[in-house]
Amino acid sequence: MGTPLQETVYDLPQAQPGWWDRYSECLDYMSETGRNALDCDTSYIVEHGIFGSGEPNPKDWPVSRLRTGLVMGSVQSGKTASMFGVIAKCIDRQVDIVIVLAGTRRSLWHQTYDRLSE
């Protein structure tokens, strides 16, 4: 006689919230309108700016794979919140690396680093 068949049942883990989901939960200081605007704006930037040339694969992307952008805005206008939202949505889309250039003053880039780490 052969070995009896054995059935293995796995308890699959619940899907973990994505980076955007976790980040948006931290935006309790913003109004609902502000959070919705941030969600729409960051989605637009990711879809048209980051992935404007398509999904990252060798057939569709140019050889350079170069993507550049510039963020400008008034003081306290939400630049950092927008940048963090774009980063979160890019990581959710399987972007492997993010480089943040956070200013020329030590105190400014240290503040941005602390916020991003948090």
PDB file of N, CA and C in Angstrom:
ATOM      1  N   MET A   1       0.827  -1.194   0.000  1.00  0.00           N
ATOM      2  CA  MET A   1       0.000   0.000   0.000  1.00  0.00           C
ATOM      3  C   MET A   1       0.862   1.245   0.000  1.00  0.00           C
ATOM      4  N   GLY A   2       0.339   2.270  -0.665  1.00  0.00           N
ATOM      5  CA  GLY A   2       1.050   3.535  -0.734  1.00  0.00           C
ATOM      6  C   GLY A   2       0.835   4.380   0.514  1.00  0.00           C
ATOM      7  N   THR A   3       1.518   5.465   0.562  1.00  0.00           N
ATOM      8  CA  THR A   3       1.381   6.410   1.679  1.00  0.00           C
ATOM      9  C   THR A   3       0.011   7.072   1.599  1.00  0.00           C
ATOM     10  N   PRO A   4      -0.698   7.169   2.734  1.00  0.00           N
ATOM     11  CA  PRO A   4      -2.012   7.817   2.694  1.00  0.00           C
ATOM     12  C   PRO A   4      -1.878   9.295   2.330  1.00  0.00           C
ATOM     13  N   LEU A   5      -2.871   9.791   1.648  1.00  0.00           N
ATOM     14  CA  LEU A   5      -2.876  11.207   1.273  1.00  0.00           C
ATOM     15  C   LEU A   5      -3.060  12.061   2.512  1.00  0.00           C
ATOM     16  N   GLN A   6      -2.409  13.163   2.527  1.00  0.00           N
ATOM     17  CA  GLN A   6      -2.505  14.080   3.659  1.00  0.00           C
ATOM     18  C   GLN A   6      -2.914  15.447   3.135  1.00  0.00           C
ATOM     19  N   GLU A   7      -3.872  16.039   3.771  1.00  0.00           N
ATOM     20  CA  GLU A   7      -4.329  17.372   3.380  1.00  0.00           C
ATOM     21  C   GLU A   7      -3.793  18.377   4.384  1.00  0.00           C
ATOM     22  N   THR A   8      -3.217  19.442   3.883  1.00  0.00           N
ATOM     23  CA  THR A   8      -2.715  20.507   4.739  1.00  0.00           C
ATOM     24  C   THR A   8      -3.600  21.724   4.555  1.00  0.00           C
ATOM     25  N   VAL A   9      -4.070  22.274   5.649  1.00  0.00           N
ATOM     26  CA  VAL A   9      -4.910  23.466   5.614  1.00  0.00           C
ATOM     27  C   VAL A   9      -4.098  24.605   6.212  1.00  0.00           C
ATOM     28  N   TYR A  10      -4.003  25.673   5.452  1.00  0.00           N
ATOM     29  CA  TYR A  10      -3.249  26.829   5.911  1.00  0.00           C
ATOM     30  C   TYR A  10      -4.203  27.919   6.338  1.00  0.00           C
ATOM     31  N   ASP A  11      -3.876  28.556   7.430  1.00  0.00           N
ATOM     32  CA  ASP A  11      -4.634  29.727   7.871  1.00  0.00           C
ATOM     33  C   ASP A  11      -3.939  30.935   7.266  1.00  0.00           C
ATOM     34  N   LEU A  12      -4.453  31.410   6.143  1.00  0.00           N
ATOM     35  CA  LEU A  12      -3.814  32.516   5.441  1.00  0.00           C
ATOM     36  C   LEU A  12      -3.949  33.804   6.249  1.00  0.00           C
ATOM     37  N   PRO A  13      -2.875  34.560   6.347  1.00  0.00           N
ATOM     38  CA  PRO A  13      -2.948  35.821   7.089  1.00  0.00           C
ATOM     39  C   PRO A  13      -3.846  36.822   6.373  1.00  0.00           C
ATOM     40  N   GLN A  14      -4.438  37.683   7.147  1.00  0.00           N
ATOM     41  CA  GLN A  14      -5.252  38.748   6.576  1.00  0.00           C
ATOM     42  C   GLN A  14      -4.333  39.707   5.824  1.00  0.00           C
ATOM     43  N   ALA A  15      -4.846  40.269   4.764  1.00  0.00           N
ATOM     44  CA  ALA A  15      -4.060  41.225   3.984  1.00  0.00           C
ATOM     45  C   ALA A  15      -3.691  42.421   4.869  1.00  0.00           C
ATOM     46  N   GLN A  16      -2.442  42.783   4.820  1.00  0.00           N
ATOM     47  CA  GLN A  16      -1.968  43.923   5.584  1.00  0.00           C
ATOM     48  C   GLN A  16      -2.319  45.206   4.839  1.00  0.00           C
ATOM     49  N   PRO A  17      -2.642  46.252   5.572  1.00  0.00           N
ATOM     50  CA  PRO A  17      -2.910  47.516   4.877  1.00  0.00           C
ATOM     51  C   PRO A  17      -1.653  47.996   4.159  1.00  0.00           C
ATOM     52  N   GLY A  18      -1.864  48.666   3.042  1.00  0.00           N
ATOM     53  CA  GLY A  18      -0.739  49.176   2.271  1.00  0.00           C
ATOM     54  C   GLY A  18      -0.130  50.399   2.927  1.00  0.00           C
ATOM     55  N   TRP A  19       0.943  50.872   2.339  1.00  0.00           N
ATOM     56  CA  TRP A  19       1.633  52.046   2.858  1.00  0.00           C
ATOM     57  C   TRP A  19       0.715  53.268   2.833  1.00  0.00           C
ATOM     58  N   TRP A  20      -0.031  53.445   1.727  1.00  0.00           N
ATOM     59  CA  TRP A  20      -0.932  54.587   1.654  1.00  0.00           C
ATOM     60  C   TRP A  20      -2.001  54.500   2.739  1.00  0.00           C
ATOM     61  N   ASP A  21      -2.565  53.317   2.940  1.00  0.00           N
ATOM     62  CA  ASP A  21      -3.600  53.150   3.962  1.00  0.00           C
ATOM     63  C   ASP A  21      -3.079  53.536   5.342  1.00  0.00           C
ATOM     64  N   ARG A  22      -1.881  53.071   5.660  1.00  0.00           N
ATOM     65  CA  ARG A  22      -1.305  53.389   6.978  1.00  0.00           C
ATOM     66  C   ARG A  22      -0.982  54.874   7.088  1.00  0.00           C
ATOM     67  N   TYR A  23      -0.442  55.443   6.002  1.00  0.00           N
ATOM     68  CA  TYR A  23      -0.114  56.866   6.039  1.00  0.00           C
ATOM     69  C   TYR A  23      -1.375  57.713   6.185  1.00  0.00           C
ATOM     70  N   SER A  24      -2.406  57.392   5.428  1.00  0.00           N
ATOM     71  CA  SER A  24      -3.630  58.203   5.468  1.00  0.00           C
ATOM     72  C   SER A  24      -4.308  58.140   6.835  1.00  0.00           C
ATOM     73  N   GLU A  25      -4.100  57.048   7.568  1.00  0.00           N
ATOM     74  CA  GLU A  25      -4.646  56.968   8.926  1.00  0.00           C
ATOM     75  C   GLU A  25      -3.984  57.980   9.860  1.00  0.00           C
ATOM     76  N   CYS A  26      -2.779  58.385   9.543  1.00  0.00           N
ATOM     77  CA  CYS A  26      -2.046  59.349  10.382  1.00  0.00           C
ATOM     78  C   CYS A  26      -2.434  60.792  10.090  1.00  0.00           C
ATOM     79  N   LEU A  27      -3.279  61.010   9.109  1.00  0.00           N
ATOM     80  CA  LEU A  27      -3.630  62.371   8.696  1.00  0.00           C
ATOM     81  C   LEU A  27      -4.859  62.892   9.428  1.00  0.00           C
ATOM     82  N   ASP A  28      -5.020  62.493  10.688  1.00  0.00           N
ATOM     83  CA  ASP A  28      -6.205  62.904  11.448  1.00  0.00           C
ATOM     84  C   ASP A  28      -6.233  64.402  11.730  1.00  0.00           C
ATOM     85  N   TYR A  29      -5.127  65.074  11.552  1.00  0.00           N
ATOM     86  CA  TYR A  29      -5.081  66.525  11.738  1.00  0.00           C
ATOM     87  C   TYR A  29      -5.686  67.274  10.551  1.00  0.00           C
ATOM     88  N   MET A  30      -5.892  66.560   9.436  1.00  0.00           N
ATOM     89  CA  MET A  30      -6.448  67.185   8.234  1.00  0.00           C
ATOM     90  C   MET A  30      -7.958  66.994   8.202  1.00  0.00           C
ATOM     91  N   SER A  31      -8.624  67.916   7.550  1.00  0.00           N
ATOM     92  CA  SER A  31     -10.066  67.762   7.344  1.00  0.00           C
ATOM     93  C   SER A  31     -10.301  66.639   6.329  1.00  0.00           C
ATOM     94  N   GLU A  32     -11.522  66.147   6.276  1.00  0.00           N
ATOM     95  CA  GLU A  32     -11.845  65.111   5.301  1.00  0.00           C
ATOM     96  C   GLU A  32     -11.619  65.614   3.872  1.00  0.00           C
ATOM     97  N   THR A  33     -11.984  66.879   3.641  1.00  0.00           N
ATOM     98  CA  THR A  33     -11.768  67.480   2.324  1.00  0.00           C
ATOM     99  C   THR A  33     -10.283  67.520   1.993  1.00  0.00           C
ATOM    100  N   GLY A  34      -9.460  67.890   2.967  1.00  0.00           N
ATOM    101  CA  GLY A  34      -8.014  67.941   2.761  1.00  0.00           C
ATOM    102  C   GLY A  34      -7.436  66.566   2.468  1.00  0.00           C
ATOM    103  N   ARG A  35      -7.885  65.552   3.210  1.00  0.00           N
ATOM    104  CA  ARG A  35      -7.407  64.184   2.978  1.00  0.00           C
ATOM    105  C   ARG A  35      -7.820  63.694   1.590  1.00  0.00           C
ATOM    106  N   ASN A  36      -9.059  63.989   1.190  1.00  0.00           N
ATOM    107  CA  ASN A  36      -9.519  63.581  -0.143  1.00  0.00           C
ATOM    108  C   ASN A  36      -8.718  64.275  -1.246  1.00  0.00           C
ATOM    109  N   ALA A  37      -8.428  65.559  -1.053  1.00  0.00           N
ATOM    110  CA  ALA A  37      -7.632  66.300  -2.035  1.00  0.00           C
ATOM    111  C   ALA A  37      -6.226  65.713  -2.130  1.00  0.00           C
ATOM    112  N   LEU A  38      -5.635  65.382  -0.980  1.00  0.00           N
ATOM    113  CA  LEU A  38      -4.304  64.791  -0.962  1.00  0.00           C
ATOM    114  C   LEU A  38      -4.318  63.439  -1.673  1.00  0.00           C
ATOM    115  N   ASP A  39      -5.334  62.643  -1.427  1.00  0.00           N
ATOM    116  CA  ASP A  39      -5.464  61.338  -2.081  1.00  0.00           C
ATOM    117  C   ASP A  39      -5.541  61.507  -3.598  1.00  0.00           C
ATOM    118  N   CYS A  40      -6.382  62.411  -4.057  1.00  0.00           N
ATOM    119  CA  CYS A  40      -6.529  62.653  -5.508  1.00  0.00           C
ATOM    120  C   CYS A  40      -5.239  63.198  -6.120  1.00  0.00           C
ATOM    121  N   ASP A  41      -4.636  64.178  -5.457  1.00  0.00           N
ATOM    122  CA  ASP A  41      -3.418  64.791  -5.995  1.00  0.00           C
ATOM    123  C   ASP A  41      -2.273  63.785  -6.074  1.00  0.00           C
ATOM    124  N   THR A  42      -2.081  63.000  -5.013  1.00  0.00           N
ATOM    125  CA  THR A  42      -0.977  62.041  -5.018  1.00  0.00           C
ATOM    126  C   THR A  42      -1.230  60.931  -6.042  1.00  0.00           C
ATOM    127  N   SER A  43      -2.484  60.513  -6.197  1.00  0.00           N
ATOM    128  CA  SER A  43      -2.796  59.504  -7.217  1.00  0.00           C
ATOM    129  C   SER A  43      -2.472  60.040  -8.608  1.00  0.00           C
ATOM    130  N   TYR A  44      -2.821  61.289  -8.856  1.00  0.00           N
ATOM    131  CA  TYR A  44      -2.535  61.901 -10.151  1.00  0.00           C
ATOM    132  C   TYR A  44      -1.024  61.945 -10.403  1.00  0.00           C
ATOM    133  N   ILE A  45      -0.265  62.354  -9.404  1.00  0.00           N
ATOM    134  CA  ILE A  45       1.191  62.446  -9.551  1.00  0.00           C
ATOM    135  C   ILE A  45       1.782  61.076  -9.838  1.00  0.00           C
ATOM    136  N   VAL A  46       1.341  60.067  -9.112  1.00  0.00           N
ATOM    137  CA  VAL A  46       1.871  58.720  -9.310  1.00  0.00           C
ATOM    138  C   VAL A  46       1.502  58.200 -10.698  1.00  0.00           C
ATOM    139  N   GLU A  47       0.237  58.334 -11.076  1.00  0.00           N
ATOM    140  CA  GLU A  47      -0.221  57.787 -12.362  1.00  0.00           C
ATOM    141  C   GLU A  47       0.366  58.515 -13.561  1.00  0.00           C
ATOM    142  N   HIS A  48       0.428  59.843 -13.500  1.00  0.00           N
ATOM    143  CA  HIS A  48       0.860  60.620 -14.666  1.00  0.00           C
ATOM    144  C   HIS A  48       2.329  61.023 -14.618  1.00  0.00           C
ATOM    145  N   GLY A  49       2.878  61.128 -13.435  1.00  0.00           N
ATOM    146  CA  GLY A  49       4.269  61.536 -13.312  1.00  0.00           C
ATOM    147  C   GLY A  49       5.213  60.356 -13.197  1.00  0.00           C
ATOM    148  N   ILE A  50       5.004  59.539 -12.190  1.00  0.00           N
ATOM    149  CA  ILE A  50       5.909  58.416 -11.940  1.00  0.00           C
ATOM    150  C   ILE A  50       5.694  57.302 -12.964  1.00  0.00           C
ATOM    151  N   PHE A  51       4.441  56.897 -13.152  1.00  0.00           N
ATOM    152  CA  PHE A  51       4.136  55.793 -14.056  1.00  0.00           C
ATOM    153  C   PHE A  51       3.569  56.277 -15.390  1.00  0.00           C
ATOM    154  N   GLY A  52       3.862  57.507 -15.738  1.00  0.00           N
ATOM    155  CA  GLY A  52       3.355  58.063 -16.984  1.00  0.00           C
ATOM    156  C   GLY A  52       3.817  57.323 -18.225  1.00  0.00           C
ATOM    157  N   SER A  53       4.946  56.642 -18.142  1.00  0.00           N
ATOM    158  CA  SER A  53       5.459  55.848 -19.265  1.00  0.00           C
ATOM    159  C   SER A  53       5.075  54.389 -19.138  1.00  0.00           C
ATOM    160  N   GLY A  54       4.172  54.079 -18.200  1.00  0.00           N
ATOM    161  CA  GLY A  54       3.729  52.699 -18.032  1.00  0.00           C
ATOM    162  C   GLY A  54       4.339  52.040 -16.808  1.00  0.00           C
ATOM    163  N   GLU A  55       3.969  50.793 -16.625  1.00  0.00           N
ATOM    164  CA  GLU A  55       4.496  50.009 -15.512  1.00  0.00           C
ATOM    165  C   GLU A  55       5.983  49.758 -15.734  1.00  0.00           C
ATOM    166  N   PRO A  56       6.740  49.610 -14.651  1.00  0.00           N
ATOM    167  CA  PRO A  56       8.188  49.414 -14.798  1.00  0.00           C
ATOM    168  C   PRO A  56       8.527  48.023 -15.328  1.00  0.00           C
ATOM    169  N   ASN A  57       8.751  47.920 -16.620  1.00  0.00           N
ATOM    170  CA  ASN A  57       9.250  46.687 -17.219  1.00  0.00           C
ATOM    171  C   ASN A  57      10.131  47.064 -18.400  1.00  0.00           C
ATOM    172  N   PRO A  58      11.086  46.216 -18.709  1.00  0.00           N
ATOM    173  CA  PRO A  58      12.082  46.569 -19.733  1.00  0.00           C
ATOM    174  C   PRO A  58      11.499  46.885 -21.107  1.00  0.00           C
ATOM    175  N   LYS A  59      10.350  46.336 -21.466  1.00  0.00           N
ATOM    176  CA  LYS A  59       9.792  46.566 -22.791  1.00  0.00           C
ATOM    177  C   LYS A  59       9.208  47.962 -22.951  1.00  0.00           C
ATOM    178  N   ASP A  60       8.587  48.479 -21.892  1.00  0.00           N
ATOM    179  CA  ASP A  60       7.857  49.740 -21.997  1.00  0.00           C
ATOM    180  C   ASP A  60       8.639  50.965 -21.551  1.00  0.00           C
ATOM    181  N   TRP A  61       9.513  50.799 -20.576  1.00  0.00           N
ATOM    182  CA  TRP A  61      10.227  51.955 -20.051  1.00  0.00           C
ATOM    183  C   TRP A  61      11.453  52.247 -20.885  1.00  0.00           C
ATOM    184  N   PRO A  62      11.789  53.525 -21.018  1.00  0.00           N
ATOM    185  CA  PRO A  62      13.017  53.867 -21.736  1.00  0.00           C
ATOM    186  C   PRO A  62      14.240  53.291 -21.020  1.00  0.00           C
ATOM    187  N   VAL A  63      15.303  53.111 -21.756  1.00  0.00           N
ATOM    188  CA  VAL A  63      16.518  52.520 -21.197  1.00  0.00           C
ATOM    189  C   VAL A  63      17.015  53.295 -19.980  1.00  0.00           C
ATOM    190  N   SER A  64      16.902  54.609 -19.989  1.00  0.00           N
ATOM    191  CA  SER A  64      17.430  55.419 -18.888  1.00  0.00           C
ATOM    192  C   SER A  64      16.661  55.215 -17.588  1.00  0.00           C
ATOM    193  N   ARG A  65      15.390  54.825 -17.692  1.00  0.00           N
ATOM    194  CA  ARG A  65      14.509  54.656 -16.533  1.00  0.00           C
ATOM    195  C   ARG A  65      14.436  55.938 -15.692  1.00  0.00           C
ATOM    196  N   LEU A  66      14.828  57.032 -16.269  1.00  0.00           N
ATOM    197  CA  LEU A  66      14.916  58.297 -15.561  1.00  0.00           C
ATOM    198  C   LEU A  66      13.533  58.891 -15.322  1.00  0.00           C
ATOM    199  N   ARG A  67      13.259  59.260 -14.092  1.00  0.00           N
ATOM    200  CA  ARG A  67      12.033  59.964 -13.716  1.00  0.00           C
ATOM    201  C   ARG A  67      12.454  61.130 -12.829  1.00  0.00           C
ATOM    202  N   THR A  68      12.092  62.314 -13.202  1.00  0.00           N
ATOM    203  CA  THR A  68      12.447  63.479 -12.398  1.00  0.00           C
ATOM    204  C   THR A  68      11.183  64.254 -12.058  1.00  0.00           C
ATOM    205  N   GLY A  69      11.279  65.057 -11.034  1.00  0.00           N
ATOM    206  CA  GLY A  69      10.146  65.877 -10.650  1.00  0.00           C
ATOM    207  C   GLY A  69      10.602  67.023  -9.768  1.00  0.00           C
ATOM    208  N   LEU A  70       9.730  67.953  -9.565  1.00  0.00           N
ATOM    209  CA  LEU A  70      10.031  69.115  -8.757  1.00  0.00           C
ATOM    210  C   LEU A  70       8.791  69.463  -7.961  1.00  0.00           C
ATOM    211  N   VAL A  71       8.988  69.738  -6.682  1.00  0.00           N
ATOM    212  CA  VAL A  71       7.869  70.140  -5.828  1.00  0.00           C
ATOM    213  C   VAL A  71       8.114  71.577  -5.403  1.00  0.00           C
ATOM    214  N   MET A  72       7.129  72.432  -5.667  1.00  0.00           N
ATOM    215  CA  MET A  72       7.205  73.830  -5.257  1.00  0.00           C
ATOM    216  C   MET A  72       5.908  74.186  -4.560  1.00  0.00           C
ATOM    217  N   GLY A  73       6.008  75.058  -3.586  1.00  0.00           N
ATOM    218  CA  GLY A  73       4.807  75.497  -2.901  1.00  0.00           C
ATOM    219  C   GLY A  73       5.138  76.481  -1.810  1.00  0.00           C
ATOM    220  N   SER A  74       4.124  77.129  -1.335  1.00  0.00           N
ATOM    221  CA  SER A  74       4.301  78.087  -0.245  1.00  0.00           C
ATOM    222  C   SER A  74       4.608  77.364   1.059  1.00  0.00           C
ATOM    223  N   VAL A  75       5.078  78.115   2.029  1.00  0.00           N
ATOM    224  CA  VAL A  75       5.325  77.572   3.361  1.00  0.00           C
ATOM    225  C   VAL A  75       4.016  77.017   3.907  1.00  0.00           C
ATOM    226  N   GLN A  76       4.094  75.850   4.527  1.00  0.00           N
ATOM    227  CA  GLN A  76       2.931  75.200   5.142  1.00  0.00           C
ATOM    228  C   GLN A  76       1.808  74.911   4.145  1.00  0.00           C
ATOM    229  N   SER A  77       2.183  74.561   2.900  1.00  0.00           N
ATOM    230  CA  SER A  77       1.158  74.312   1.888  1.00  0.00           C
ATOM    231  C   SER A  77       0.893  72.822   1.658  1.00  0.00           C
ATOM    232  N   GLY A  78       1.618  71.950   2.346  1.00  0.00           N
ATOM    233  CA  GLY A  78       1.376  70.519   2.219  1.00  0.00           C
ATOM    234  C   GLY A  78       2.368  69.786   1.339  1.00  0.00           C
ATOM    235  N   LYS A  79       3.528  70.397   1.066  1.00  0.00           N
ATOM    236  CA  LYS A  79       4.521  69.748   0.208  1.00  0.00           C
ATOM    237  C   LYS A  79       5.004  68.432   0.805  1.00  0.00           C
ATOM    238  N   THR A  80       5.305  68.431   2.091  1.00  0.00           N
ATOM    239  CA  THR A  80       5.813  67.226   2.736  1.00  0.00           C
ATOM    240  C   THR A  80       4.734  66.149   2.788  1.00  0.00           C
ATOM    241  N   ALA A  81       3.514  66.517   3.123  1.00  0.00           N
ATOM    242  CA  ALA A  81       2.415  65.542   3.147  1.00  0.00           C
ATOM    243  C   ALA A  81       2.218  64.931   1.764  1.00  0.00           C
ATOM    244  N   SER A  82       2.305  65.751   0.734  1.00  0.00           N
ATOM    245  CA  SER A  82       2.154  65.267  -0.631  1.00  0.00           C
ATOM    246  C   SER A  82       3.298  64.328  -1.001  1.00  0.00           C
ATOM    247  N   MET A  83       4.518  64.715  -0.660  1.00  0.00           N
ATOM    248  CA  MET A  83       5.682  63.885  -0.954  1.00  0.00           C
ATOM    249  C   MET A  83       5.551  62.526  -0.263  1.00  0.00           C
ATOM    250  N   PHE A  84       5.142  62.512   0.996  1.00  0.00           N
ATOM    251  CA  PHE A  84       4.991  61.256   1.727  1.00  0.00           C
ATOM    252  C   PHE A  84       3.880  60.403   1.119  1.00  0.00           C
ATOM    253  N   GLY A  85       2.806  61.043   0.670  1.00  0.00           N
ATOM    254  CA  GLY A  85       1.724  60.309   0.019  1.00  0.00           C
ATOM    255  C   GLY A  85       2.171  59.670  -1.280  1.00  0.00           C
ATOM    256  N   VAL A  86       2.933  60.409  -2.078  1.00  0.00           N
ATOM    257  CA  VAL A  86       3.455  59.869  -3.335  1.00  0.00           C
ATOM    258  C   VAL A  86       4.394  58.702  -3.046  1.00  0.00           C
ATOM    259  N   ILE A  87       5.251  58.847  -2.047  1.00  0.00           N
ATOM    260  CA  ILE A  87       6.163  57.765  -1.683  1.00  0.00           C
ATOM    261  C   ILE A  87       5.371  56.518  -1.287  1.00  0.00           C
ATOM    262  N   ALA A  88       4.360  56.695  -0.442  1.00  0.00           N
ATOM    263  CA  ALA A  88       3.557  55.556   0.020  1.00  0.00           C
ATOM    264  C   ALA A  88       2.881  54.849  -1.151  1.00  0.00           C
ATOM    265  N   LYS A  89       2.297  55.617  -2.065  1.00  0.00           N
ATOM    266  CA  LYS A  89       1.610  55.006  -3.203  1.00  0.00           C
ATOM    267  C   LYS A  89       2.593  54.338  -4.157  1.00  0.00           C
ATOM    268  N   CYS A  90       3.794  54.888  -4.288  1.00  0.00           N
ATOM    269  CA  CYS A  90       4.809  54.250  -5.129  1.00  0.00           C
ATOM    270  C   CYS A  90       5.267  52.926  -4.521  1.00  0.00           C
ATOM    271  N   ILE A  91       5.471  52.896  -3.221  1.00  0.00           N
ATOM    272  CA  ILE A  91       5.866  51.644  -2.571  1.00  0.00           C
ATOM    273  C   ILE A  91       4.761  50.604  -2.723  1.00  0.00           C
ATOM    274  N   ASP A  92       3.504  51.042  -2.613  1.00  0.00           N
ATOM    275  CA  ASP A  92       2.382  50.120  -2.842  1.00  0.00           C
ATOM    276  C   ASP A  92       2.393  49.566  -4.259  1.00  0.00           C
ATOM    277  N   ARG A  93       2.967  50.310  -5.203  1.00  0.00           N
ATOM    278  CA  ARG A  93       3.041  49.874  -6.609  1.00  0.00           C
ATOM    279  C   ARG A  93       4.363  49.162  -6.905  1.00  0.00           C
ATOM    280  N   GLN A  94       5.053  48.736  -5.867  1.00  0.00           N
ATOM    281  CA  GLN A  94       6.269  47.920  -5.984  1.00  0.00           C
ATOM    282  C   GLN A  94       7.516  48.688  -6.415  1.00  0.00           C
ATOM    283  N   VAL A  95       7.552  50.004  -6.190  1.00  0.00           N
ATOM    284  CA  VAL A  95       8.785  50.751  -6.423  1.00  0.00           C
ATOM    285  C   VAL A  95       9.771  50.312  -5.344  1.00  0.00           C
ATOM    286  N   ASP A  96      10.987  49.972  -5.758  1.00  0.00           N
ATOM    287  CA  ASP A  96      11.969  49.385  -4.846  1.00  0.00           C
ATOM    288  C   ASP A  96      12.773  50.393  -4.042  1.00  0.00           C
ATOM    289  N   ILE A  97      12.949  51.582  -4.571  1.00  0.00           N
ATOM    290  CA  ILE A  97      13.817  52.538  -3.891  1.00  0.00           C
ATOM    291  C   ILE A  97      13.268  53.947  -4.076  1.00  0.00           C
ATOM    292  N   VAL A  98      13.402  54.742  -3.046  1.00  0.00           N
ATOM    293  CA  VAL A  98      12.991  56.143  -3.075  1.00  0.00           C
ATOM    294  C   VAL A  98      14.154  56.964  -2.539  1.00  0.00           C
ATOM    295  N   ILE A  99      14.489  58.001  -3.246  1.00  0.00           N
ATOM    296  CA  ILE A  99      15.551  58.908  -2.798  1.00  0.00           C
ATOM    297  C   ILE A  99      14.908  60.256  -2.533  1.00  0.00           C
ATOM    298  N   VAL A 100      15.113  60.769  -1.330  1.00  0.00           N
ATOM    299  CA  VAL A 100      14.544  62.056  -0.942  1.00  0.00           C
ATOM    300  C   VAL A 100      15.680  63.053  -0.772  1.00  0.00           C
ATOM    301  N   LEU A 101      15.649  64.108  -1.562  1.00  0.00           N
ATOM    302  CA  LEU A 101      16.589  65.216  -1.415  1.00  0.00           C
ATOM    303  C   LEU A 101      15.827  66.295  -0.648  1.00  0.00           C
ATOM    304  N   ALA A 102      16.254  66.555   0.566  1.00  0.00           N
ATOM    305  CA  ALA A 102      15.423  67.348   1.476  1.00  0.00           C
ATOM    306  C   ALA A 102      16.023  68.680   1.862  1.00  0.00           C
ATOM    307  N   GLY A 103      16.657  69.346   0.956  1.00  0.00           N
ATOM    308  CA  GLY A 103      17.114  70.694   1.253  1.00  0.00           C
ATOM    309  C   GLY A 103      18.607  70.801   1.463  1.00  0.00           C
ATOM    310  N   THR A 104      19.046  72.043   1.596  1.00  0.00           N
ATOM    311  CA  THR A 104      20.476  72.314   1.736  1.00  0.00           C
ATOM    312  C   THR A 104      20.867  72.668   3.166  1.00  0.00           C
ATOM    313  N   ARG A 105      19.917  72.787   4.023  1.00  0.00           N
ATOM    314  CA  ARG A 105      20.190  73.117   5.424  1.00  0.00           C
ATOM    315  C   ARG A 105      20.037  71.862   6.274  1.00  0.00           C
ATOM    316  N   ARG A 106      21.018  71.647   7.132  1.00  0.00           N
ATOM    317  CA  ARG A 106      21.021  70.450   7.968  1.00  0.00           C
ATOM    318  C   ARG A 106      19.732  70.318   8.776  1.00  0.00           C
ATOM    319  N   SER A 107      19.275  71.394   9.378  1.00  0.00           N
ATOM    320  CA  SER A 107      18.072  71.319  10.216  1.00  0.00           C
ATOM    321  C   SER A 107      16.845  70.936   9.392  1.00  0.00           C
ATOM    322  N   LEU A 108      16.755  71.421   8.152  1.00  0.00           N
ATOM    323  CA  LEU A 108      15.614  71.116   7.299  1.00  0.00           C
ATOM    324  C   LEU A 108      15.605  69.654   6.879  1.00  0.00           C
ATOM    325  N   TRP A 109      16.747  69.144   6.402  1.00  0.00           N
ATOM    326  CA  TRP A 109      16.739  67.751   5.966  1.00  0.00           C
ATOM    327  C   TRP A 109      16.622  66.807   7.150  1.00  0.00           C
ATOM    328  N   HIS A 110      17.145  67.209   8.318  1.00  0.00           N
ATOM    329  CA  HIS A 110      16.996  66.374   9.509  1.00  0.00           C
ATOM    330  C   HIS A 110      15.511  66.302   9.923  1.00  0.00           C
ATOM    331  N   GLN A 111      14.813  67.426   9.834  1.00  0.00           N
ATOM    332  CA  GLN A 111      13.383  67.457  10.149  1.00  0.00           C
ATOM    333  C   GLN A 111      12.608  66.548   9.183  1.00  0.00           C
ATOM    334  N   THR A 112      12.918  66.632   7.909  1.00  0.00           N
ATOM    335  CA  THR A 112      12.242  65.790   6.915  1.00  0.00           C
ATOM    336  C   THR A 112      12.564  64.314   7.158  1.00  0.00           C
ATOM    337  N   TYR A 113      13.820  64.013   7.475  1.00  0.00           N
ATOM    338  CA  TYR A 113      14.211  62.633   7.762  1.00  0.00           C
ATOM    339  C   TYR A 113      13.437  62.087   8.971  1.00  0.00           C
ATOM    340  N   ASP A 114      13.342  62.898  10.022  1.00  0.00           N
ATOM    341  CA  ASP A 114      12.617  62.463  11.221  1.00  0.00           C
ATOM    342  C   ASP A 114      11.143  62.199  10.911  1.00  0.00           C
ATOM    343  N   ARG A 115      10.520  63.089  10.130  1.00  0.00           N
ATOM    344  CA  ARG A 115       9.117  62.893   9.769  1.00  0.00           C
ATOM    345  C   ARG A 115       8.930  61.633   8.929  1.00  0.00           C
ATOM    346  N   LEU A 116       9.812  61.420   7.969  1.00  0.00           N
ATOM    347  CA  LEU A 116       9.719  60.252   7.107  1.00  0.00           C
ATOM    348  C   LEU A 116       9.958  58.962   7.885  1.00  0.00           C
ATOM    349  N   SER A 117      10.906  58.988   8.800  1.00  0.00           N
ATOM    350  CA  SER A 117      11.174  57.812   9.623  1.00  0.00           C
ATOM    351  C   SER A 117      10.002  57.469  10.519  1.00  0.00           C
ATOM    352  N   GLU A 118       9.352  58.504  11.029  1.00  0.00           N
ATOM    353  CA  GLU A 118       8.199  58.297  11.916  1.00  0.00           C
ATOM    354  C   GLU A 118       7.047  57.664  11.165  1.00  0.00           C
TER     355      GLU A 118
END
